[in-house]
Amino acid sequence: MVADLNVVEVLDSDEEDQLPPFNAREWIGKNKKYPRHPPRELEFYCARQLRIPQEIKNAFPNQALNVAAFSRTALPAKSYALVFPAAETCFSRLTPSMDIDQTLESLKTRPLPPIKLVDELNQAARQAILDGNLSVVDSRFPSTRLSFWVIATWRWLIDMVDAREEWKAARDWVDRRRGALVAADEAAQRLLTLGWDVQLAAGERSLQFARAISDRMVTDGMMDIMITVLEKRISATRRLASRIILVQRAFMIEILKAERAEDLKDAKRPYLTALERKVKEGGVSELWFTALWEEQIHWLAFKCDFTALTLSYGDPLGMSGTPHVIIRKTLWWLQGRFNKSFRDKGNILTCGTQNDGTSCGFIATNTLAHNTLGDDIWTPSLKIHDRLHWFNLVCTGYESNNGQLECPDTGAANAELKSVAILPSHTIPKSLKRILNSPEQSPARLTSLSRILNPAPIPPAALPPPIFVARPAVANVALPLSRLLNDSTDAPVGVECLKPCTSWDGLADSEWEDTSPQWGEEMRMDVDEKSTALLMEVDVQPEPDESVAPPAKLYSIFGTQYSGKRKLDDAEAGNAAGPCKIARIEERPAKASKRKASAAGS
């Protein structure tokens, strides 16, 4: 986000205390032009007028608010008007007509001005202050005059609305993949704790992460964050750290500043001078970097080979054009600072094949990782996994180091696996070590982990047809199967067990609450502590004559017949007959000691 339009950088209280007092009579209303290089006291005076009050900031979401909550926050609406007055006409020499509380209320209820007008107001504000203006007029509400700090507040809120929409799109992108991908489930949990725009190391902010979990191109900042991860991996590998250097976009910023070859021979460029010294004194043989080909809005990976004296790049789209400016100016630096004749080898680096218009940043990063660390090459089939992987990785590094971007090792290990968060107190099997220590994008790793973390679901057993009771006196009534199986007595199955569903209250088992089961409800069936038997078929005989002593209730489980809880011997089982016989029970693999079964009989 744009922070107070550079006002924060100006307002340094320590420096302000050392400055002479600002002489308003000398500057304000004297028909003076705002200087290109203003005195510091004038710069501070204008900055104080434009600074957003803390009371206003406190009324809107804090930057540490988690993404999930922030994406649902109500904010003012943006305006997309194409016609608006000139910025110079929006200032007044009258004092503001609204105090801070009234202004806050208007900020919450009125649409924000168009961003183009706000930016023009910011450009004109310092000159307007110098001209003696005291307030800003929103042409949509001409009867109200606002303090100058409303300009910075408008811009701040526009950025906040944009950030909310970006995070909302990212959250929706993750939600569409939850359940199907373990990494998406992990990312969804990250969004519950990650601050939406918190400060990271090296000046980056967490808002940079949002592009990773979307179908959009990543930002410059996210590219630097990913390069930081690769730098850490290389520095942890002794055989690579001494001969390979990866550099972030600061290198290309310095290179592209040059207008001619002589500009890069200047020893006053601290960053390039330090890099040159490291290459010469450290025995470095390869320098790798990514660069944005601005004409094509396309990220590329580059390699400077100090042994072969070549410069080459990898283009995942295989475009017919060439990034001439990047190549020419990089060669200026190589030849001017190392006094050797480097050659352009063109598009020869091994890289993935891009099939969209937004994955180039990830492919450029993977090109570096593949050619230096041996990672598997990027493929379109891994596109979603790659984005989720990077998001979860950088979030892990941020959360585990109190906001300092310090990402965990992710490549092949040199020795035993040191720690595994998912199994902290167990001995890690060698097979699992091989999986976790294999290159990050290895198909074998992804397939193996997918099988471990996403086992194939057990297909549900086919439900039998409804069971009907052949009884003239009580027709088409529900048979409480769980009551049958959980009954610990030897009492016969009588009419009280053949009640309609609406009359079940009195038959509820003592361990159930006093509720009336409804048709189709799932009820617990405690057949055996270790069994997950599923009742498939029941044959119910008519109730015997009450004048005859009924035999004990008989049932069969897995081929063994019981009377109540007593197991029948072979002779008894062969001659037994009773009012209710469970004809068949089938078994399926158990996952728990108790299993619910459907009491769907009728």
Foldseek 3Di string as FASTA:
>chain_A
DCALVCLVVLDDPVVQVVDDADDLVVFAQPPDAQDPDHDSNLSNVLSVQQHDDPVLVVVDDDQQQFLVVLLPDQAAAEDPDPDDDQLVVFFALDAWPDDPVRVSVCRRPPHQYHPVSLVRNVVCVSVCRRNRTAFTADVVCRVGTHGNNVSSVSNVRVVSVVLSVLSNQLLVLLVVCPPVDPLSVLVNVLSNRGRSFDAFPPGHTPSQLSQLRHQAAGDLVLLQLLLVLVLVQQCVDVVRPLAEEEDGCVVVVQLLVDPDLVVLLDCPPVVLVVVLCCCVVRVHQKYKYWDQLVVLRAIKIWIQGNVVQEIEIAGLAPDPDFSVSSVVSVQSNCCSSVVDHHYYPYHDQDWHHDDDDHCRSVGNSQSVCCVRVVADHDYPVCSNVSSSVSSSQQSVQCVVPVRYRDGDHQEADPDFDDADVVCHPDDDDPVVRCLRRHHPPDPVNVVVVCCVVPPDDDDDDDAAPAAWAPEVVDGDAFAQVLLVQVDQDQDADDCVRGHHQQPCQVVDDPVDDRDRDDAFDWDWRPNDQAFPKAQHDWHFAYDDDPVDDFGTDWEDDPRWIARRPHTDDPVCVVPDDHRIYRPDIDGDDDDGRIDIYIRNHD
